[in-house]
Amino acid sequence: MSRAEAAKGAAATEATEGPAQEPPLRAPGVLWSLGLFRSELVTVVRRWRTLALLAVLAAVPVLIGIAVKIDTRGGRGGGGGGEGGGPAFLSQITNNGLFLVFAAIAATLPVFLPMAVGVVAGDAVAGEAHAGTLRYLLVAPAGRTRLLLAKYASVLAFCLIATLVVAASALAVAALLFPLGEVTTISGTRISFEDGLLRAVAIAGIAALSLSGMAALGLFVSTLTNSGIAAMASTVGLLITVQILGQIPQLHAIGPYLFPHYWLSFADVLREPVYWDQLERNFELQALYVAVFGSAAWARFTTKDITA
């Protein structure tokens, strides 16, 4: 039985039996809240749209790996990343396949990953309203705040899943096409493959955390409309607009306040020792966006007239 069917059943019981026959309501416990989060996450992951997005993300490292391999066989030595035409780690892939993980995340983080997150976040509330299931979800003793938190948590979980899919796909391709071994850091020192692998996992986590501000913005947009398509398009449109603003030299003063500004700071994890300045600024900026747009989403959703 789906969430909507269960909620509709609860609503039918309320209409048939009347409130006098219901037991006293109790505040939902922690396990109930975790169950709500699990239900939201399963709903997100099982959608064909989400699976298609993950498939596209997984294909990006495959294409990069094949392109670099063909380029190497052509005698050009691995991608020309030093000319600024590709991800920062592209030229290192032929020497150590683990750099394909870093290059794939660097290639997908500016556009592909945030677009996928924008689609999922934009559809979180508006999609339920458009399908007519939102009011039935609110029949359960969740409350609007708990439901909104569960939806945001499921979007954050998708951020992590998406970045791990990119990293896992890149690592699998790297193991098939390139040698793996000790990693030369940006600082010029060498670290073991195991240490490099741990840093790759950390970079995937940082990339996912970098998308938390974008997720909060998308969730806020999702509370403004009952059309899932409109919310998704608006969120992706805002992403593109912000990316364009960040590239205009005359607007460089506002750059540090735009949520994508520090996304590529994850490269500092590959320094020895790790540089934390840009990473901390990234975390602070994302926390600011989460606080502002998360509060706006809560204020809108808790006062919204739910008719669908």
C-alpha atoms as a PDB file:
ATOM      1  CA  MET A   1       0.000   0.000   0.000  1.00  0.00           C
ATOM      2  CA  SER A   2       1.409   3.383  -1.004  1.00  0.00           C
ATOM      3  CA  ARG A   3       1.638   6.483   1.194  1.00  0.00           C
ATOM      4  CA  ALA A   4      -1.233   8.148  -0.619  1.00  0.00           C
ATOM      5  CA  GLU A   5      -3.493   5.079  -0.355  1.00  0.00           C
ATOM      6  CA  ALA A   6      -2.777   4.771   3.354  1.00  0.00           C
ATOM      7  CA  ALA A   7      -3.482   8.443   3.895  1.00  0.00           C
ATOM      8  CA  LYS A   8      -6.703   8.241   1.881  1.00  0.00           C
ATOM      9  CA  GLY A   9      -7.746   5.265   3.978  1.00  0.00           C
ATOM     10  CA  ALA A  10      -7.158   7.277   7.135  1.00  0.00           C
ATOM     11  CA  ALA A  11      -9.226  10.117   5.745  1.00  0.00           C
ATOM     12  CA  ALA A  12     -12.070   7.737   4.843  1.00  0.00           C
ATOM     13  CA  THR A  13     -12.018   6.258   8.346  1.00  0.00           C
ATOM     14  CA  GLU A  14     -12.237   9.733   9.834  1.00  0.00           C
ATOM     15  CA  ALA A  15     -15.224  10.589   7.637  1.00  0.00           C
ATOM     16  CA  THR A  16     -17.028   7.300   8.423  1.00  0.00           C
ATOM     17  CA  GLU A  17     -16.430   6.854  12.123  1.00  0.00           C
ATOM     18  CA  GLY A  18     -16.268  10.470  13.189  1.00  0.00           C
ATOM     19  CA  PRO A  19     -13.800  12.082  15.551  1.00  0.00           C
ATOM     20  CA  ALA A  20     -15.547  10.813  18.682  1.00  0.00           C
ATOM     21  CA  GLN A  21     -14.418   7.224  18.014  1.00  0.00           C
ATOM     22  CA  GLU A  22     -10.718   8.105  17.479  1.00  0.00           C
ATOM     23  CA  PRO A  23      -8.146   7.484  20.214  1.00  0.00           C
ATOM     24  CA  PRO A  24      -6.364  10.507  21.645  1.00  0.00           C
ATOM     25  CA  LEU A  25      -3.649  11.789  19.302  1.00  0.00           C
ATOM     26  CA  ARG A  26      -0.073  11.470  20.469  1.00  0.00           C
ATOM     27  CA  ALA A  27       2.911  13.341  19.175  1.00  0.00           C
ATOM     28  CA  PRO A  28       4.829  11.274  16.617  1.00  0.00           C
ATOM     29  CA  GLY A  29       8.007   9.769  18.013  1.00  0.00           C
ATOM     30  CA  VAL A  30      11.493   9.578  16.593  1.00  0.00           C
ATOM     31  CA  LEU A  31      10.915   6.185  14.971  1.00  0.00           C
ATOM     32  CA  TRP A  32       7.775   7.515  13.292  1.00  0.00           C
ATOM     33  CA  SER A  33       9.750  10.492  11.946  1.00  0.00           C
ATOM     34  CA  LEU A  34      12.454   8.166  10.620  1.00  0.00           C
ATOM     35  CA  GLY A  35       9.748   6.106   8.961  1.00  0.00           C
ATOM     36  CA  LEU A  36       8.391   9.240   7.294  1.00  0.00           C
ATOM     37  CA  PHE A  37      11.881  10.108   6.037  1.00  0.00           C
ATOM     38  CA  ARG A  38      12.367   6.565   4.745  1.00  0.00           C
ATOM     39  CA  SER A  39       9.037   6.720   2.942  1.00  0.00           C
ATOM     40  CA  GLU A  40       9.944  10.026   1.298  1.00  0.00           C
ATOM     41  CA  LEU A  41      13.393   8.786   0.265  1.00  0.00           C
ATOM     42  CA  VAL A  42      12.036   5.553  -1.217  1.00  0.00           C
ATOM     43  CA  THR A  43       9.421   7.542  -3.124  1.00  0.00           C
ATOM     44  CA  VAL A  44      12.100   9.830  -4.561  1.00  0.00           C
ATOM     45  CA  VAL A  45      14.514   7.064  -5.533  1.00  0.00           C
ATOM     46  CA  ARG A  46      11.881   4.829  -7.129  1.00  0.00           C
ATOM     47  CA  ARG A  47      10.667   7.459  -9.584  1.00  0.00           C
ATOM     48  CA  TRP A  48      11.688   6.817 -13.173  1.00  0.00           C
ATOM     49  CA  ARG A  49      12.727  10.451 -13.493  1.00  0.00           C
ATOM     50  CA  THR A  50      15.161  10.079 -10.602  1.00  0.00           C
ATOM     51  CA  LEU A  51      16.596   6.846 -11.991  1.00  0.00           C
ATOM     52  CA  ALA A  52      17.077   8.538 -15.367  1.00  0.00           C
ATOM     53  CA  LEU A  53      18.920  11.426 -13.705  1.00  0.00           C
ATOM     54  CA  LEU A  54      21.200   9.028 -11.856  1.00  0.00           C
ATOM     55  CA  ALA A  55      21.859   7.133 -15.095  1.00  0.00           C
ATOM     56  CA  VAL A  56      22.901  10.359 -16.832  1.00  0.00           C
ATOM     57  CA  LEU A  57      25.191  11.252 -13.934  1.00  0.00           C
ATOM     58  CA  ALA A  58      26.758   7.793 -14.015  1.00  0.00           C
ATOM     59  CA  ALA A  59      27.354   8.132 -17.766  1.00  0.00           C
ATOM     60  CA  VAL A  60      29.429  11.315 -17.442  1.00  0.00           C
ATOM     61  CA  PRO A  61      32.521   9.614 -15.911  1.00  0.00           C
ATOM     62  CA  VAL A  62      32.247   6.860 -18.536  1.00  0.00           C
ATOM     63  CA  LEU A  63      32.348   9.413 -21.347  1.00  0.00           C
ATOM     64  CA  ILE A  64      35.251  11.296 -19.740  1.00  0.00           C
ATOM     65  CA  GLY A  65      37.227   8.092 -19.193  1.00  0.00           C
ATOM     66  CA  ILE A  66      36.690   6.862 -22.752  1.00  0.00           C
ATOM     67  CA  ALA A  67      37.572  10.276 -24.199  1.00  0.00           C
ATOM     68  CA  VAL A  68      40.814  10.430 -22.206  1.00  0.00           C
ATOM     69  CA  LYS A  69      41.700   6.854 -23.164  1.00  0.00           C
ATOM     70  CA  ILE A  70      41.155   7.566 -26.860  1.00  0.00           C
ATOM     71  CA  ASP A  71      43.116  10.800 -26.556  1.00  0.00           C
ATOM     72  CA  THR A  72      45.996   8.908 -24.934  1.00  0.00           C
ATOM     73  CA  ARG A  73      46.063   6.291 -27.695  1.00  0.00           C
ATOM     74  CA  GLY A  74      46.164   9.143 -30.171  1.00  0.00           C
ATOM     75  CA  GLY A  75      49.497  10.155 -28.683  1.00  0.00           C
ATOM     76  CA  ARG A  76      48.462  13.424 -27.068  1.00  0.00           C
ATOM     77  CA  GLY A  77      49.174  12.310 -23.527  1.00  0.00           C
ATOM     78  CA  GLY A  78      45.921  12.646 -21.695  1.00  0.00           C
ATOM     79  CA  GLY A  79      43.339  15.272 -22.118  1.00  0.00           C
ATOM     80  CA  GLY A  80      44.933  18.664 -22.169  1.00  0.00           C
ATOM     81  CA  GLY A  81      43.552  19.589 -18.782  1.00  0.00           C
ATOM     82  CA  GLY A  82      46.415  21.983 -18.286  1.00  0.00           C
ATOM     83  CA  GLU A  83      45.120  24.218 -21.088  1.00  0.00           C
ATOM     84  CA  GLY A  84      42.003  25.092 -19.130  1.00  0.00           C
ATOM     85  CA  GLY A  85      39.690  23.291 -21.514  1.00  0.00           C
ATOM     86  CA  GLY A  86      38.504  20.655 -19.083  1.00  0.00           C
ATOM     87  CA  PRO A  87      38.277  19.713 -15.414  1.00  0.00           C
ATOM     88  CA  ALA A  88      41.311  20.587 -13.333  1.00  0.00           C
ATOM     89  CA  PHE A  89      42.378  16.942 -12.825  1.00  0.00           C
ATOM     90  CA  LEU A  90      41.895  15.760 -16.407  1.00  0.00           C
ATOM     91  CA  SER A  91      45.571  15.705 -17.371  1.00  0.00           C
ATOM     92  CA  GLN A  92      46.411  13.427 -14.407  1.00  0.00           C
ATOM     93  CA  ILE A  93      43.985  10.629 -15.223  1.00  0.00           C
ATOM     94  CA  THR A  94      46.346   8.632 -17.445  1.00  0.00           C
ATOM     95  CA  ASN A  95      48.929   8.497 -14.644  1.00  0.00           C
ATOM     96  CA  ASN A  96      46.464   7.543 -11.931  1.00  0.00           C
ATOM     97  CA  GLY A  97      42.869   6.562 -12.598  1.00  0.00           C
ATOM     98  CA  LEU A  98      41.763   7.853  -9.195  1.00  0.00           C
ATOM     99  CA  PHE A  99      41.938  11.344 -10.662  1.00  0.00           C
ATOM    100  CA  LEU A 100      38.966  10.393 -12.819  1.00  0.00           C
ATOM    101  CA  VAL A 101      36.855  10.555  -9.659  1.00  0.00           C
ATOM    102  CA  PHE A 102      38.022  14.108  -8.965  1.00  0.00           C
ATOM    103  CA  ALA A 103      37.630  15.143 -12.613  1.00  0.00           C
ATOM    104  CA  ALA A 104      34.114  13.653 -12.846  1.00  0.00           C
ATOM    105  CA  ILE A 105      32.916  15.496  -9.741  1.00  0.00           C
ATOM    106  CA  ALA A 106      34.532  18.712 -11.012  1.00  0.00           C
ATOM    107  CA  ALA A 107      32.768  18.241 -14.360  1.00  0.00           C
ATOM    108  CA  THR A 108      29.312  17.465 -12.952  1.00  0.00           C
ATOM    109  CA  LEU A 109      29.185  19.808  -9.957  1.00  0.00           C
ATOM    110  CA  PRO A 110      28.720  23.114 -11.816  1.00  0.00           C
ATOM    111  CA  VAL A 111      25.744  21.947 -13.929  1.00  0.00           C
ATOM    112  CA  PHE A 112      24.659  18.297 -13.950  1.00  0.00           C
ATOM    113  CA  LEU A 113      24.521  17.607 -10.209  1.00  0.00           C
ATOM    114  CA  PRO A 114      22.726  20.846  -9.230  1.00  0.00           C
ATOM    115  CA  MET A 115      20.258  20.435 -12.097  1.00  0.00           C
ATOM    116  CA  ALA A 116      19.397  16.948 -10.851  1.00  0.00           C
ATOM    117  CA  VAL A 117      19.002  18.269  -7.315  1.00  0.00           C
ATOM    118  CA  GLY A 118      16.908  21.164  -8.603  1.00  0.00           C
ATOM    119  CA  VAL A 119      14.520  18.744 -10.308  1.00  0.00           C
ATOM    120  CA  VAL A 120      14.107  16.606  -7.180  1.00  0.00           C
ATOM    121  CA  ALA A 121      13.800  19.566  -4.784  1.00  0.00           C
ATOM    122  CA  GLY A 122      11.434  21.483  -7.048  1.00  0.00           C
ATOM    123  CA  ASP A 123       9.106  18.507  -7.262  1.00  0.00           C
ATOM    124  CA  ALA A 124       9.167  17.745  -3.511  1.00  0.00           C
ATOM    125  CA  VAL A 125       6.041  19.670  -2.500  1.00  0.00           C
ATOM    126  CA  ALA A 126       4.638  20.939  -5.787  1.00  0.00           C
ATOM    127  CA  GLY A 127       4.652  17.446  -7.270  1.00  0.00           C
ATOM    128  CA  GLU A 128       2.549  16.113  -4.388  1.00  0.00           C
ATOM    129  CA  ALA A 129       0.128  19.019  -4.767  1.00  0.00           C
ATOM    130  CA  HIS A 130      -0.164  18.454  -8.505  1.00  0.00           C
ATOM    131  CA  ALA A 131      -0.808  14.730  -8.001  1.00  0.00           C
ATOM    132  CA  GLY A 132      -3.456  15.478  -5.380  1.00  0.00           C
ATOM    133  CA  THR A 133      -1.704  13.535  -2.599  1.00  0.00           C
ATOM    134  CA  LEU A 134      -0.400  16.383  -0.443  1.00  0.00           C
ATOM    135  CA  ARG A 135      -3.541  16.892   1.637  1.00  0.00           C
ATOM    136  CA  TYR A 136      -3.797  13.147   2.257  1.00  0.00           C
ATOM    137  CA  LEU A 137      -0.219  13.058   3.540  1.00  0.00           C
ATOM    138  CA  LEU A 138      -1.147  15.762   6.047  1.00  0.00           C
ATOM    139  CA  VAL A 139      -3.975  13.598   7.459  1.00  0.00           C
ATOM    140  CA  ALA A 140      -1.336  11.496   9.225  1.00  0.00           C
ATOM    141  CA  PRO A 141      -0.092  12.931  12.548  1.00  0.00           C
ATOM    142  CA  ALA A 142       3.059  14.308  10.951  1.00  0.00           C
ATOM    143  CA  GLY A 143       2.334  17.988  10.914  1.00  0.00           C
ATOM    144  CA  ARG A 144       3.515  20.276   8.175  1.00  0.00           C
ATOM    145  CA  THR A 145       6.855  20.969   9.810  1.00  0.00           C
ATOM    146  CA  ARG A 146       7.765  17.290  10.118  1.00  0.00           C
ATOM    147  CA  LEU A 147       6.658  16.596   6.568  1.00  0.00           C
ATOM    148  CA  LEU A 148       8.705  19.493   5.220  1.00  0.00           C
ATOM    149  CA  LEU A 149      11.767  18.374   7.190  1.00  0.00           C
ATOM    150  CA  ALA A 150      11.349  14.823   5.901  1.00  0.00           C
ATOM    151  CA  LYS A 151      11.173  16.085   2.340  1.00  0.00           C
ATOM    152  CA  TYR A 152      14.257  18.258   2.762  1.00  0.00           C
ATOM    153  CA  ALA A 153      16.137  15.375   4.377  1.00  0.00           C
ATOM    154  CA  SER A 154      15.219  13.146   1.431  1.00  0.00           C
ATOM    155  CA  VAL A 155      16.530  15.785  -0.996  1.00  0.00           C
ATOM    156  CA  LEU A 156      19.799  15.973   0.971  1.00  0.00           C
ATOM    157  CA  ALA A 157      20.023  12.185   0.849  1.00  0.00           C
ATOM    158  CA  PHE A 158      19.569  12.365  -2.911  1.00  0.00           C
ATOM    159  CA  CYS A 159      22.444  14.889  -3.073  1.00  0.00           C
ATOM    160  CA  LEU A 160      24.692  12.327  -1.399  1.00  0.00           C
ATOM    161  CA  ILE A 161      23.411   9.439  -3.514  1.00  0.00           C
ATOM    162  CA  ALA A 162      23.969  11.417  -6.720  1.00  0.00           C
ATOM    163  CA  THR A 163      27.542  12.393  -5.867  1.00  0.00           C
ATOM    164  CA  LEU A 164      28.365   8.840  -4.773  1.00  0.00           C
ATOM    165  CA  VAL A 165      26.956   7.509  -8.052  1.00  0.00           C
ATOM    166  CA  VAL A 166      29.306   9.819  -9.957  1.00  0.00           C
ATOM    167  CA  ALA A 167      32.267   8.808  -7.783  1.00  0.00           C
ATOM    168  CA  ALA A 168      31.491   5.066  -7.949  1.00  0.00           C
ATOM    169  CA  SER A 169      31.023   5.163 -11.724  1.00  0.00           C
ATOM    170  CA  ALA A 170      34.297   7.062 -12.136  1.00  0.00           C
ATOM    171  CA  LEU A 171      36.177   4.621  -9.908  1.00  0.00           C
ATOM    172  CA  ALA A 172      34.823   1.610 -11.807  1.00  0.00           C
ATOM    173  CA  VAL A 173      35.821   3.113 -15.160  1.00  0.00           C
ATOM    174  CA  ALA A 174      39.232   4.097 -13.781  1.00  0.00           C
ATOM    175  CA  ALA A 175      39.898   0.556 -12.588  1.00  0.00           C
ATOM    176  CA  LEU A 176      39.139  -0.780 -16.070  1.00  0.00           C
ATOM    177  CA  LEU A 177      40.995   1.772 -18.181  1.00  0.00           C
ATOM    178  CA  PHE A 178      43.815   3.296 -16.124  1.00  0.00           C
ATOM    179  CA  PRO A 179      46.442   2.331 -13.544  1.00  0.00           C
ATOM    180  CA  LEU A 180      45.721   2.942  -9.872  1.00  0.00           C
ATOM    181  CA  GLY A 181      48.344   3.720  -7.264  1.00  0.00           C
ATOM    182  CA  GLU A 182      49.831   6.415  -5.070  1.00  0.00           C
ATOM    183  CA  VAL A 183      48.354   9.877  -5.501  1.00  0.00           C
ATOM    184  CA  THR A 184      50.403  13.008  -6.063  1.00  0.00           C
ATOM    185  CA  THR A 185      48.641  15.861  -4.266  1.00  0.00           C
ATOM    186  CA  ILE A 186      48.354  19.419  -5.529  1.00  0.00           C
ATOM    187  CA  SER A 187      51.090  20.302  -3.035  1.00  0.00           C
ATOM    188  CA  GLY A 188      53.455  17.872  -4.748  1.00  0.00           C
ATOM    189  CA  THR A 189      53.583  15.271  -1.974  1.00  0.00           C
ATOM    190  CA  ARG A 190      52.617  11.631  -2.473  1.00  0.00           C
ATOM    191  CA  ILE A 191      49.993   9.783  -0.461  1.00  0.00           C
ATOM    192  CA  SER A 192      48.943   6.145  -0.528  1.00  0.00           C
ATOM    193  CA  PHE A 193      46.115   4.906  -2.730  1.00  0.00           C
ATOM    194  CA  GLU A 194      44.045   4.154   0.378  1.00  0.00           C
ATOM    195  CA  ASP A 195      44.474   7.723   1.616  1.00  0.00           C
ATOM    196  CA  GLY A 196      43.586   9.021  -1.837  1.00  0.00           C
ATOM    197  CA  LEU A 197      40.469   6.855  -1.881  1.00  0.00           C
ATOM    198  CA  LEU A 198      39.395   8.213   1.503  1.00  0.00           C
ATOM    199  CA  ARG A 199      39.885  11.729   0.203  1.00  0.00           C
ATOM    200  CA  ALA A 200      37.771  10.868  -2.832  1.00  0.00           C
ATOM    201  CA  VAL A 201      34.934   9.794  -0.517  1.00  0.00           C
ATOM    202  CA  ALA A 202      35.400  13.003   1.484  1.00  0.00           C
ATOM    203  CA  ILE A 203      35.233  15.047  -1.727  1.00  0.00           C
ATOM    204  CA  ALA A 204      31.971  13.328  -2.679  1.00  0.00           C
ATOM    205  CA  GLY A 205      30.558  14.203   0.755  1.00  0.00           C
ATOM    206  CA  ILE A 206      31.721  17.822   0.443  1.00  0.00           C
ATOM    207  CA  ALA A 207      30.156  18.065  -3.020  1.00  0.00           C
ATOM    208  CA  ALA A 208      26.864  16.764  -1.619  1.00  0.00           C
ATOM    209  CA  LEU A 209      27.002  19.235   1.268  1.00  0.00           C
ATOM    210  CA  SER A 210      27.743  22.030  -1.201  1.00  0.00           C
ATOM    211  CA  LEU A 211      24.357  21.368  -2.800  1.00  0.00           C
ATOM    212  CA  SER A 212      22.419  21.840   0.462  1.00  0.00           C
ATOM    213  CA  GLY A 213      21.813  25.536  -0.239  1.00  0.00           C
ATOM    214  CA  MET A 214      20.535  24.726  -3.719  1.00  0.00           C
ATOM    215  CA  ALA A 215      18.257  22.070  -2.206  1.00  0.00           C
ATOM    216  CA  ALA A 216      16.768  24.579   0.260  1.00  0.00           C
ATOM    217  CA  LEU A 217      16.171  27.067  -2.552  1.00  0.00           C
ATOM    218  CA  GLY A 218      14.440  24.420  -4.641  1.00  0.00           C
ATOM    219  CA  LEU A 219      12.261  23.350  -1.724  1.00  0.00           C
ATOM    220  CA  PHE A 220      11.192  26.958  -1.176  1.00  0.00           C
ATOM    221  CA  VAL A 221      10.264  27.330  -4.842  1.00  0.00           C
ATOM    222  CA  SER A 222       8.329  24.066  -4.576  1.00  0.00           C
ATOM    223  CA  THR A 223       6.100  25.550  -1.854  1.00  0.00           C
ATOM    224  CA  LEU A 224       5.155  28.509  -4.059  1.00  0.00           C
ATOM    225  CA  THR A 225       3.223  26.582  -6.716  1.00  0.00           C
ATOM    226  CA  ASN A 226       1.072  23.510  -7.217  1.00  0.00           C
ATOM    227  CA  SER A 227       2.759  22.654 -10.511  1.00  0.00           C
ATOM    228  CA  GLY A 228       5.714  20.315 -10.239  1.00  0.00           C
ATOM    229  CA  ILE A 229       6.930  21.152 -13.738  1.00  0.00           C
ATOM    230  CA  ALA A 230       6.826  24.886 -13.009  1.00  0.00           C
ATOM    231  CA  ALA A 231       8.740  24.422  -9.749  1.00  0.00           C
ATOM    232  CA  MET A 232      11.419  22.268 -11.388  1.00  0.00           C
ATOM    233  CA  ALA A 233      11.810  24.663 -14.317  1.00  0.00           C
ATOM    234  CA  SER A 234      11.994  27.675 -12.000  1.00  0.00           C
ATOM    235  CA  THR A 235      14.635  26.054  -9.788  1.00  0.00           C
ATOM    236  CA  VAL A 236      16.801  25.080 -12.743  1.00  0.00           C
ATOM    237  CA  GLY A 237      16.266  28.545 -14.237  1.00  0.00           C
ATOM    238  CA  LEU A 238      17.465  30.165 -11.024  1.00  0.00           C
ATOM    239  CA  LEU A 239      20.538  27.939 -11.080  1.00  0.00           C
ATOM    240  CA  ILE A 240      21.389  28.998 -14.628  1.00  0.00           C
ATOM    241  CA  THR A 241      20.788  32.662 -13.792  1.00  0.00           C
ATOM    242  CA  VAL A 242      23.055  32.540 -10.749  1.00  0.00           C
ATOM    243  CA  GLN A 243      25.748  30.750 -12.745  1.00  0.00           C
ATOM    244  CA  ILE A 244      25.605  33.493 -15.402  1.00  0.00           C
ATOM    245  CA  LEU A 245      25.767  36.256 -12.792  1.00  0.00           C
ATOM    246  CA  GLY A 246      28.842  34.642 -11.311  1.00  0.00           C
ATOM    247  CA  GLN A 247      30.617  34.839 -14.697  1.00  0.00           C
ATOM    248  CA  ILE A 248      30.027  38.564 -15.309  1.00  0.00           C
ATOM    249  CA  PRO A 249      33.206  40.481 -14.392  1.00  0.00           C
ATOM    250  CA  GLN A 250      31.288  43.638 -13.512  1.00  0.00           C
ATOM    251  CA  LEU A 251      29.390  41.717 -10.827  1.00  0.00           C
ATOM    252  CA  HIS A 252      32.421  40.107  -9.200  1.00  0.00           C
ATOM    253  CA  ALA A 253      31.573  41.828  -5.904  1.00  0.00           C
ATOM    254  CA  ILE A 254      28.458  39.671  -5.440  1.00  0.00           C
ATOM    255  CA  GLY A 255      30.243  36.456  -6.447  1.00  0.00           C
ATOM    256  CA  PRO A 256      31.181  35.346  -2.899  1.00  0.00           C
ATOM    257  CA  TYR A 257      27.500  35.557  -1.913  1.00  0.00           C
ATOM    258  CA  LEU A 258      26.221  33.305  -4.698  1.00  0.00           C
ATOM    259  CA  PHE A 259      25.715  29.702  -3.580  1.00  0.00           C
ATOM    260  CA  PRO A 260      27.852  28.101  -6.370  1.00  0.00           C
ATOM    261  CA  HIS A 261      30.867  30.349  -5.696  1.00  0.00           C
ATOM    262  CA  TYR A 262      32.822  27.911  -3.506  1.00  0.00           C
ATOM    263  CA  TRP A 263      31.571  24.642  -4.993  1.00  0.00           C
ATOM    264  CA  LEU A 264      34.957  23.702  -6.453  1.00  0.00           C
ATOM    265  CA  SER A 265      36.761  24.362  -3.179  1.00  0.00           C
ATOM    266  CA  PHE A 266      36.754  20.576  -2.656  1.00  0.00           C
ATOM    267  CA  ALA A 267      40.053  20.565  -4.573  1.00  0.00           C
ATOM    268  CA  ASP A 268      41.732  21.816  -1.392  1.00  0.00           C
ATOM    269  CA  VAL A 269      41.187  18.360   0.101  1.00  0.00           C
ATOM    270  CA  LEU A 270      43.932  17.178  -2.260  1.00  0.00           C
ATOM    271  CA  ARG A 271      46.479  19.478  -0.672  1.00  0.00           C
ATOM    272  CA  GLU A 272      48.921  18.384   2.021  1.00  0.00           C
ATOM    273  CA  PRO A 273      48.002  19.655   4.530  1.00  0.00           C
ATOM    274  CA  VAL A 274      44.354  20.298   3.620  1.00  0.00           C
ATOM    275  CA  TYR A 275      43.462  23.958   3.112  1.00  0.00           C
ATOM    276  CA  TRP A 276      40.317  24.706   5.094  1.00  0.00           C
ATOM    277  CA  ASP A 277      39.722  28.421   4.387  1.00  0.00           C
ATOM    278  CA  GLN A 278      37.674  28.055   1.186  1.00  0.00           C
ATOM    279  CA  LEU A 279      35.957  24.933   2.488  1.00  0.00           C
ATOM    280  CA  GLU A 280      34.814  26.702   5.644  1.00  0.00           C
ATOM    281  CA  ARG A 281      33.504  29.635   3.608  1.00  0.00           C
ATOM    282  CA  ASN A 282      31.600  27.187   1.442  1.00  0.00           C
ATOM    283  CA  PHE A 283      30.017  25.515   4.470  1.00  0.00           C
ATOM    284  CA  GLU A 284      29.104  28.885   6.005  1.00  0.00           C
ATOM    285  CA  LEU A 285      27.556  30.114   2.754  1.00  0.00           C
ATOM    286  CA  GLN A 286      25.500  26.952   2.301  1.00  0.00           C
ATOM    287  CA  ALA A 287      24.349  27.156   5.941  1.00  0.00           C
ATOM    288  CA  LEU A 288      23.203  30.733   5.294  1.00  0.00           C
ATOM    289  CA  TYR A 289      21.176  29.684   2.259  1.00  0.00           C
ATOM    290  CA  VAL A 290      19.681  26.747   4.154  1.00  0.00           C
ATOM    291  CA  ALA A 291      18.686  29.039   7.037  1.00  0.00           C
ATOM    292  CA  VAL A 292      17.163  31.727   4.803  1.00  0.00           C
ATOM    293  CA  PHE A 293      15.345  29.613   2.238  1.00  0.00           C
ATOM    294  CA  GLY A 294      14.572  26.817   4.688  1.00  0.00           C
ATOM    295  CA  SER A 295      12.823  29.350   6.937  1.00  0.00           C
ATOM    296  CA  ALA A 296      11.032  30.844   3.939  1.00  0.00           C
ATOM    297  CA  ALA A 297       9.864  27.393   2.846  1.00  0.00           C
ATOM    298  CA  TRP A 298       8.632  26.623   6.374  1.00  0.00           C
ATOM    299  CA  ALA A 299       6.784  29.954   6.646  1.00  0.00           C
ATOM    300  CA  ARG A 300       5.133  29.429   3.278  1.00  0.00           C
ATOM    301  CA  PHE A 301       4.242  25.767   3.752  1.00  0.00           C
ATOM    302  CA  THR A 302       2.853  26.093   7.278  1.00  0.00           C
ATOM    303  CA  THR A 303       0.508  28.930   6.209  1.00  0.00           C
ATOM    304  CA  LYS A 304      -0.370  27.610   2.766  1.00  0.00           C
ATOM    305  CA  ASP A 305      -3.958  26.651   2.000  1.00  0.00           C
ATOM    306  CA  ILE A 306      -3.661  23.017   0.928  1.00  0.00           C
ATOM    307  CA  THR A 307      -6.386  22.281  -1.604  1.00  0.00           C
ATOM    308  CA  ALA A 308      -4.750  19.404  -3.472  1.00  0.00           C
END
